[in-house]
Amino acid sequence: MKRIILASMAAMFGASAYAAPLTVTLDGVRWEGPLYISVQSEDQFMQEEAAASTMVQTPHPGAHNFTFDVPPGAYAVSVWHDDGNGVFDRDAYGRPLDGWAMSGEIGQGAPSFEDVAISVGPDGASVTLQMVYPD
């Protein structure tokens, strides 16, 4: 019986040791519509696969908070706010026409993982992203 209890406790506490909370705050959400948030490791960066993701069908304008449980490590957070047509729209120069946000520093052109990576330690991390919309 003692072994069963110890094994159960090890499984319970061991599982939590591998996940840390990553809190993502989005500021400046402007409209209702599908809002997609993706948390990606370096291997997943700019791919469809993600360590964690969520979609909120019709968020209200303003600020939104989301928490993801991920293993400690480096991650990029990207956000796409669809205008309702199901396509990430771009202009003739490749600039986004939908709302978007990304962690880290973004310059001209596609970012590298190192530009946008945030570190999630054993105690977790938080990041605030400012939504960007075309004018």
N, C-alpha and C. Protein backbone atom coordinates (compact mmCIF):
# COMPACT_ATOMS: atom_id res chain seq x y z
N MET A 1 0.83 -1.20 0.00
CA MET A 1 0.00 0.00 0.00
C MET A 1 0.87 1.25 0.00
N LYS A 2 1.94 1.20 0.80
CA LYS A 2 2.85 2.35 0.88
C LYS A 2 3.46 2.64 -0.50
N ARG A 3 3.80 1.60 -1.25
CA ARG A 3 4.38 1.78 -2.59
C ARG A 3 3.37 2.43 -3.54
N ILE A 4 2.12 2.04 -3.44
CA ILE A 4 1.09 2.61 -4.31
C ILE A 4 0.93 4.10 -4.01
N ILE A 5 0.90 4.46 -2.74
CA ILE A 5 0.77 5.87 -2.36
C ILE A 5 1.97 6.67 -2.84
N LEU A 6 3.18 6.13 -2.62
CA LEU A 6 4.39 6.83 -3.07
C LEU A 6 4.42 6.96 -4.59
N ALA A 7 4.03 5.92 -5.30
CA ALA A 7 4.01 5.98 -6.77
C ALA A 7 2.99 7.00 -7.25
N SER A 8 1.83 7.03 -6.59
CA SER A 8 0.80 8.01 -6.97
C SER A 8 1.28 9.43 -6.73
N MET A 9 1.94 9.66 -5.59
CA MET A 9 2.46 10.99 -5.30
C MET A 9 3.55 11.39 -6.28
N ALA A 10 4.42 10.46 -6.62
CA ALA A 10 5.49 10.76 -7.58
C ALA A 10 4.90 11.11 -8.93
N ALA A 11 3.89 10.37 -9.35
CA ALA A 11 3.26 10.66 -10.64
C ALA A 11 2.57 12.02 -10.61
N MET A 12 1.89 12.32 -9.51
CA MET A 12 1.17 13.58 -9.40
C MET A 12 2.13 14.77 -9.41
N PHE A 13 3.18 14.70 -8.59
CA PHE A 13 4.11 15.82 -8.52
C PHE A 13 5.08 15.83 -9.68
N GLY A 14 5.41 14.67 -10.22
CA GLY A 14 6.32 14.60 -11.36
C GLY A 14 5.73 15.23 -12.59
N ALA A 15 4.45 15.02 -12.83
CA ALA A 15 3.81 15.59 -14.02
C ALA A 15 3.81 17.11 -13.96
N SER A 16 3.58 17.68 -12.77
CA SER A 16 3.54 19.13 -12.67
C SER A 16 4.93 19.75 -12.80
N ALA A 17 5.98 18.97 -12.53
CA ALA A 17 7.34 19.50 -12.64
C ALA A 17 7.74 19.76 -14.08
N TYR A 18 7.03 19.14 -15.02
CA TYR A 18 7.39 19.29 -16.42
C TYR A 18 6.61 20.39 -17.13
N ALA A 19 5.68 21.02 -16.45
CA ALA A 19 4.89 22.09 -17.07
C ALA A 19 5.00 23.35 -16.23
N ALA A 20 5.06 24.47 -16.92
CA ALA A 20 5.13 25.78 -16.26
C ALA A 20 4.10 26.69 -16.92
N PRO A 21 3.47 27.58 -16.16
CA PRO A 21 2.46 28.46 -16.76
C PRO A 21 3.10 29.60 -17.56
N LEU A 22 2.63 29.76 -18.77
CA LEU A 22 3.00 30.91 -19.60
C LEU A 22 1.73 31.75 -19.76
N THR A 23 1.73 32.93 -19.16
CA THR A 23 0.58 33.82 -19.25
C THR A 23 0.81 34.83 -20.35
N VAL A 24 -0.13 34.88 -21.30
CA VAL A 24 -0.05 35.80 -22.44
C VAL A 24 -1.17 36.82 -22.29
N THR A 25 -0.81 38.10 -22.25
CA THR A 25 -1.78 39.18 -22.22
C THR A 25 -1.76 39.87 -23.57
N LEU A 26 -2.93 40.00 -24.18
CA LEU A 26 -3.06 40.71 -25.45
C LEU A 26 -3.71 42.05 -25.18
N ASP A 27 -3.04 43.12 -25.54
CA ASP A 27 -3.59 44.47 -25.41
C ASP A 27 -4.02 44.97 -26.78
N GLY A 28 -5.10 45.72 -26.80
CA GLY A 28 -5.51 46.41 -28.02
C GLY A 28 -6.27 45.59 -29.02
N VAL A 29 -6.99 44.54 -28.58
CA VAL A 29 -7.83 43.78 -29.52
C VAL A 29 -8.94 44.71 -29.98
N ARG A 30 -9.08 44.87 -31.29
CA ARG A 30 -9.99 45.90 -31.84
C ARG A 30 -11.37 45.41 -32.23
N TRP A 31 -11.51 44.17 -32.68
CA TRP A 31 -12.80 43.76 -33.20
C TRP A 31 -13.13 42.34 -32.77
N GLU A 32 -14.39 41.97 -33.02
CA GLU A 32 -14.80 40.60 -32.78
C GLU A 32 -14.38 39.76 -33.97
N GLY A 33 -14.20 38.47 -33.74
CA GLY A 33 -13.79 37.55 -34.80
C GLY A 33 -12.81 36.55 -34.25
N PRO A 34 -12.51 35.50 -34.99
CA PRO A 34 -11.61 34.46 -34.50
C PRO A 34 -10.22 35.00 -34.15
N LEU A 35 -9.76 34.68 -32.96
CA LEU A 35 -8.46 35.10 -32.46
C LEU A 35 -7.66 33.83 -32.17
N TYR A 36 -6.55 33.63 -32.89
CA TYR A 36 -5.73 32.43 -32.77
C TYR A 36 -4.42 32.77 -32.07
N ILE A 37 -4.07 32.02 -31.04
CA ILE A 37 -2.82 32.23 -30.31
C ILE A 37 -2.03 30.93 -30.36
N SER A 38 -0.76 31.04 -30.73
CA SER A 38 0.09 29.87 -30.88
C SER A 38 1.39 30.07 -30.09
N VAL A 39 1.77 29.06 -29.33
CA VAL A 39 3.03 29.05 -28.58
C VAL A 39 3.90 27.98 -29.23
N GLN A 40 5.05 28.40 -29.77
CA GLN A 40 5.87 27.48 -30.57
C GLN A 40 7.30 27.40 -30.06
N SER A 41 7.83 26.18 -30.04
CA SER A 41 9.25 25.97 -29.75
C SER A 41 10.05 26.32 -31.01
N GLU A 42 11.36 26.27 -30.91
CA GLU A 42 12.19 26.60 -32.07
C GLU A 42 11.91 25.67 -33.24
N ASP A 43 11.73 24.37 -32.97
CA ASP A 43 11.44 23.41 -34.04
C ASP A 43 10.09 23.65 -34.69
N GLN A 44 9.16 24.24 -33.96
CA GLN A 44 7.81 24.48 -34.46
C GLN A 44 7.63 25.87 -35.06
N PHE A 45 8.62 26.73 -34.90
CA PHE A 45 8.50 28.14 -35.27
C PHE A 45 8.11 28.32 -36.73
N MET A 46 7.07 29.11 -36.95
CA MET A 46 6.54 29.45 -38.27
C MET A 46 5.98 28.22 -39.00
N GLN A 47 5.61 27.20 -38.23
CA GLN A 47 4.97 26.00 -38.77
C GLN A 47 3.55 25.93 -38.19
N GLU A 48 2.76 24.99 -38.68
CA GLU A 48 1.41 24.83 -38.14
C GLU A 48 1.39 24.16 -36.78
N GLU A 49 2.40 23.34 -36.48
CA GLU A 49 2.47 22.64 -35.20
C GLU A 49 2.80 23.64 -34.09
N ALA A 50 2.25 23.39 -32.90
CA ALA A 50 2.51 24.29 -31.77
C ALA A 50 2.61 23.49 -30.48
N ALA A 51 3.37 24.00 -29.53
CA ALA A 51 3.45 23.39 -28.20
C ALA A 51 2.12 23.57 -27.48
N ALA A 52 1.47 24.70 -27.72
CA ALA A 52 0.16 24.99 -27.14
C ALA A 52 -0.51 26.03 -28.02
N SER A 53 -1.83 25.97 -28.09
CA SER A 53 -2.55 26.97 -28.88
C SER A 53 -3.99 27.03 -28.41
N THR A 54 -4.66 28.11 -28.79
CA THR A 54 -6.07 28.24 -28.50
C THR A 54 -6.70 29.15 -29.55
N MET A 55 -8.01 29.06 -29.66
CA MET A 55 -8.77 29.94 -30.54
C MET A 55 -9.98 30.41 -29.75
N VAL A 56 -10.19 31.71 -29.75
CA VAL A 56 -11.37 32.29 -29.13
C VAL A 56 -12.25 32.77 -30.28
N GLN A 57 -13.46 32.27 -30.36
CA GLN A 57 -14.30 32.54 -31.52
C GLN A 57 -14.67 34.01 -31.67
N THR A 58 -15.17 34.64 -30.65
CA THR A 58 -15.60 36.03 -30.79
C THR A 58 -15.19 36.84 -29.56
N PRO A 59 -13.93 37.19 -29.46
CA PRO A 59 -13.52 37.98 -28.30
C PRO A 59 -14.08 39.40 -28.39
N HIS A 60 -14.26 40.00 -27.25
CA HIS A 60 -14.68 41.40 -27.21
C HIS A 60 -13.45 42.28 -27.40
N PRO A 61 -13.61 43.50 -27.87
CA PRO A 61 -12.47 44.42 -27.97
C PRO A 61 -11.88 44.68 -26.58
N GLY A 62 -10.58 44.98 -26.55
CA GLY A 62 -9.91 45.28 -25.29
C GLY A 62 -8.79 44.30 -25.00
N ALA A 63 -8.53 44.06 -23.72
CA ALA A 63 -7.44 43.18 -23.29
C ALA A 63 -7.97 41.77 -23.02
N HIS A 64 -7.11 40.79 -23.27
CA HIS A 64 -7.44 39.38 -23.04
C HIS A 64 -6.24 38.69 -22.41
N ASN A 65 -6.49 37.77 -21.49
CA ASN A 65 -5.43 36.99 -20.84
C ASN A 65 -5.63 35.51 -21.13
N PHE A 66 -4.54 34.82 -21.40
CA PHE A 66 -4.56 33.39 -21.67
C PHE A 66 -3.39 32.75 -20.93
N THR A 67 -3.58 31.54 -20.41
CA THR A 67 -2.50 30.82 -19.75
C THR A 67 -2.33 29.46 -20.41
N PHE A 68 -1.08 29.15 -20.73
CA PHE A 68 -0.72 27.88 -21.36
C PHE A 68 0.26 27.16 -20.44
N ASP A 69 0.11 25.85 -20.29
CA ASP A 69 1.07 25.05 -19.54
C ASP A 69 2.02 24.41 -20.53
N VAL A 70 3.29 24.78 -20.45
CA VAL A 70 4.32 24.28 -21.37
C VAL A 70 5.55 23.86 -20.57
N PRO A 71 6.34 22.94 -21.09
CA PRO A 71 7.60 22.61 -20.42
C PRO A 71 8.52 23.83 -20.41
N PRO A 72 9.34 23.99 -19.37
CA PRO A 72 10.30 25.10 -19.39
C PRO A 72 11.14 25.06 -20.66
N GLY A 73 11.42 26.24 -21.20
CA GLY A 73 12.20 26.33 -22.43
C GLY A 73 11.98 27.67 -23.11
N ALA A 74 12.40 27.77 -24.35
CA ALA A 74 12.25 29.00 -25.14
C ALA A 74 11.08 28.82 -26.11
N TYR A 75 10.25 29.86 -26.21
CA TYR A 75 9.06 29.81 -27.06
C TYR A 75 8.84 31.15 -27.75
N ALA A 76 8.20 31.08 -28.90
CA ALA A 76 7.69 32.26 -29.58
C ALA A 76 6.17 32.23 -29.44
N VAL A 77 5.57 33.39 -29.26
CA VAL A 77 4.12 33.49 -29.18
C VAL A 77 3.67 34.33 -30.37
N SER A 78 2.74 33.79 -31.15
CA SER A 78 2.21 34.54 -32.28
C SER A 78 0.69 34.55 -32.20
N VAL A 79 0.11 35.64 -32.69
CA VAL A 79 -1.33 35.84 -32.63
C VAL A 79 -1.82 36.30 -33.99
N TRP A 80 -2.93 35.75 -34.42
CA TRP A 80 -3.58 36.17 -35.66
C TRP A 80 -5.04 36.45 -35.32
N HIS A 81 -5.52 37.64 -35.66
CA HIS A 81 -6.92 38.02 -35.45
C HIS A 81 -7.58 38.09 -36.82
N ASP A 82 -8.28 37.03 -37.16
CA ASP A 82 -8.93 36.91 -38.47
C ASP A 82 -10.08 37.91 -38.58
N ASP A 83 -10.22 38.47 -39.76
CA ASP A 83 -11.33 39.40 -40.01
C ASP A 83 -12.62 38.67 -40.34
N GLY A 84 -12.60 37.35 -40.26
CA GLY A 84 -13.81 36.57 -40.48
C GLY A 84 -13.83 35.77 -41.76
N ASN A 85 -12.80 35.93 -42.62
CA ASN A 85 -12.82 35.20 -43.89
C ASN A 85 -12.01 33.91 -43.85
N GLY A 86 -11.36 33.59 -42.73
CA GLY A 86 -10.61 32.36 -42.60
C GLY A 86 -9.27 32.34 -43.30
N VAL A 87 -8.80 33.49 -43.77
CA VAL A 87 -7.53 33.59 -44.51
C VAL A 87 -6.68 34.67 -43.85
N PHE A 88 -5.37 34.37 -43.68
CA PHE A 88 -4.45 35.41 -43.20
C PHE A 88 -4.13 36.31 -44.38
N ASP A 89 -4.85 37.41 -44.47
CA ASP A 89 -4.74 38.31 -45.63
C ASP A 89 -3.46 39.13 -45.59
N ARG A 90 -2.87 39.32 -46.77
CA ARG A 90 -1.67 40.14 -46.94
C ARG A 90 -1.86 41.05 -48.16
N ASP A 91 -1.17 42.19 -48.12
CA ASP A 91 -1.23 43.07 -49.29
C ASP A 91 -0.20 42.62 -50.32
N ALA A 92 -0.06 43.37 -51.40
CA ALA A 92 0.84 43.00 -52.49
C ALA A 92 2.30 42.93 -52.05
N TYR A 93 2.64 43.60 -50.95
CA TYR A 93 4.01 43.59 -50.44
C TYR A 93 4.22 42.56 -49.32
N GLY A 94 3.19 41.79 -49.01
CA GLY A 94 3.29 40.76 -47.98
C GLY A 94 2.98 41.23 -46.58
N ARG A 95 2.57 42.49 -46.43
CA ARG A 95 2.24 43.01 -45.10
C ARG A 95 0.86 42.49 -44.67
N PRO A 96 0.72 42.12 -43.39
CA PRO A 96 -0.56 41.58 -42.92
C PRO A 96 -1.68 42.62 -43.02
N LEU A 97 -2.85 42.14 -43.43
CA LEU A 97 -4.05 42.96 -43.46
C LEU A 97 -4.99 42.61 -42.30
N ASP A 98 -4.72 41.51 -41.61
CA ASP A 98 -5.46 41.13 -40.42
C ASP A 98 -4.69 41.60 -39.19
N GLY A 99 -5.34 41.56 -38.04
CA GLY A 99 -4.65 41.89 -36.80
C GLY A 99 -3.64 40.80 -36.45
N TRP A 100 -2.54 41.20 -35.80
CA TRP A 100 -1.51 40.22 -35.44
C TRP A 100 -0.69 40.75 -34.28
N ALA A 101 0.06 39.86 -33.66
CA ALA A 101 1.02 40.22 -32.61
C ALA A 101 2.03 39.09 -32.53
N MET A 102 3.23 39.41 -32.03
CA MET A 102 4.26 38.40 -31.85
C MET A 102 5.15 38.83 -30.69
N SER A 103 5.65 37.85 -29.96
CA SER A 103 6.56 38.14 -28.86
C SER A 103 7.89 38.65 -29.41
N GLY A 104 8.66 39.30 -28.56
CA GLY A 104 10.01 39.73 -28.93
C GLY A 104 10.05 40.97 -29.79
N GLU A 105 11.20 41.15 -30.44
CA GLU A 105 11.45 42.32 -31.27
C GLU A 105 11.21 41.98 -32.74
N ILE A 106 10.39 42.79 -33.38
CA ILE A 106 10.08 42.56 -34.79
C ILE A 106 10.57 43.74 -35.59
N GLY A 107 11.31 43.47 -36.63
CA GLY A 107 11.78 44.52 -37.53
C GLY A 107 11.16 44.32 -38.90
N GLN A 108 11.88 44.69 -39.91
CA GLN A 108 11.43 44.49 -41.28
C GLN A 108 11.65 43.03 -41.67
N GLY A 109 10.73 42.45 -42.40
CA GLY A 109 10.89 41.08 -42.86
C GLY A 109 10.50 40.06 -41.80
N ALA A 110 10.65 38.80 -42.16
CA ALA A 110 10.28 37.71 -41.26
C ALA A 110 11.26 37.64 -40.09
N PRO A 111 10.76 37.47 -38.87
CA PRO A 111 11.65 37.41 -37.71
C PRO A 111 12.31 36.03 -37.61
N SER A 112 13.44 35.98 -36.93
CA SER A 112 14.06 34.70 -36.59
C SER A 112 13.52 34.28 -35.22
N PHE A 113 13.68 33.02 -34.89
CA PHE A 113 13.23 32.55 -33.59
C PHE A 113 13.92 33.31 -32.47
N GLU A 114 15.21 33.58 -32.64
CA GLU A 114 15.97 34.30 -31.62
C GLU A 114 15.42 35.70 -31.38
N ASP A 115 14.86 36.33 -32.42
CA ASP A 115 14.29 37.67 -32.29
C ASP A 115 13.05 37.69 -31.40
N VAL A 116 12.29 36.60 -31.42
CA VAL A 116 10.98 36.61 -30.77
C VAL A 116 10.86 35.65 -29.60
N ALA A 117 11.92 34.90 -29.30
CA ALA A 117 11.85 33.89 -28.24
C ALA A 117 11.75 34.52 -26.86
N ILE A 118 10.94 33.91 -26.02
CA ILE A 118 10.87 34.27 -24.61
C ILE A 118 11.21 33.02 -23.81
N SER A 119 11.79 33.22 -22.64
CA SER A 119 12.22 32.10 -21.81
C SER A 119 11.16 31.80 -20.76
N VAL A 120 10.77 30.54 -20.70
CA VAL A 120 9.83 30.07 -19.68
C VAL A 120 10.62 29.19 -18.72
N GLY A 121 10.75 29.65 -17.48
CA GLY A 121 11.48 28.90 -16.47
C GLY A 121 10.56 27.94 -15.73
N PRO A 122 11.08 27.22 -14.75
CA PRO A 122 10.26 26.28 -13.98
C PRO A 122 9.08 26.93 -13.27
N ASP A 123 9.22 28.21 -12.93
CA ASP A 123 8.12 28.93 -12.27
C ASP A 123 7.19 29.62 -13.26
N GLY A 124 7.47 29.48 -14.56
CA GLY A 124 6.63 30.08 -15.58
C GLY A 124 7.14 31.43 -16.04
N ALA A 125 6.33 32.10 -16.83
CA ALA A 125 6.68 33.42 -17.37
C ALA A 125 5.40 34.11 -17.81
N SER A 126 5.51 35.40 -18.05
CA SER A 126 4.38 36.15 -18.61
C SER A 126 4.91 37.10 -19.66
N VAL A 127 4.06 37.37 -20.63
CA VAL A 127 4.42 38.28 -21.71
C VAL A 127 3.17 39.06 -22.10
N THR A 128 3.36 40.35 -22.40
CA THR A 128 2.27 41.20 -22.88
C THR A 128 2.56 41.56 -24.32
N LEU A 129 1.60 41.31 -25.19
CA LEU A 129 1.74 41.61 -26.61
C LEU A 129 0.76 42.69 -27.01
N GLN A 130 1.21 43.62 -27.83
CA GLN A 130 0.35 44.68 -28.36
C GLN A 130 -0.13 44.26 -29.74
N MET A 131 -1.44 44.19 -29.91
CA MET A 131 -1.99 43.84 -31.22
C MET A 131 -1.68 44.94 -32.22
N VAL A 132 -1.41 44.54 -33.46
CA VAL A 132 -1.12 45.46 -34.56
C VAL A 132 -2.20 45.24 -35.62
N TYR A 133 -2.80 46.33 -36.07
CA TYR A 133 -3.84 46.26 -37.09
C TYR A 133 -3.48 47.21 -38.22
N PRO A 134 -3.89 46.87 -39.46
CA PRO A 134 -3.64 47.80 -40.56
C PRO A 134 -4.47 49.07 -40.35
N ASP A 135 -3.91 50.18 -40.74
CA ASP A 135 -4.66 51.45 -40.59
C ASP A 135 -5.54 51.72 -41.77
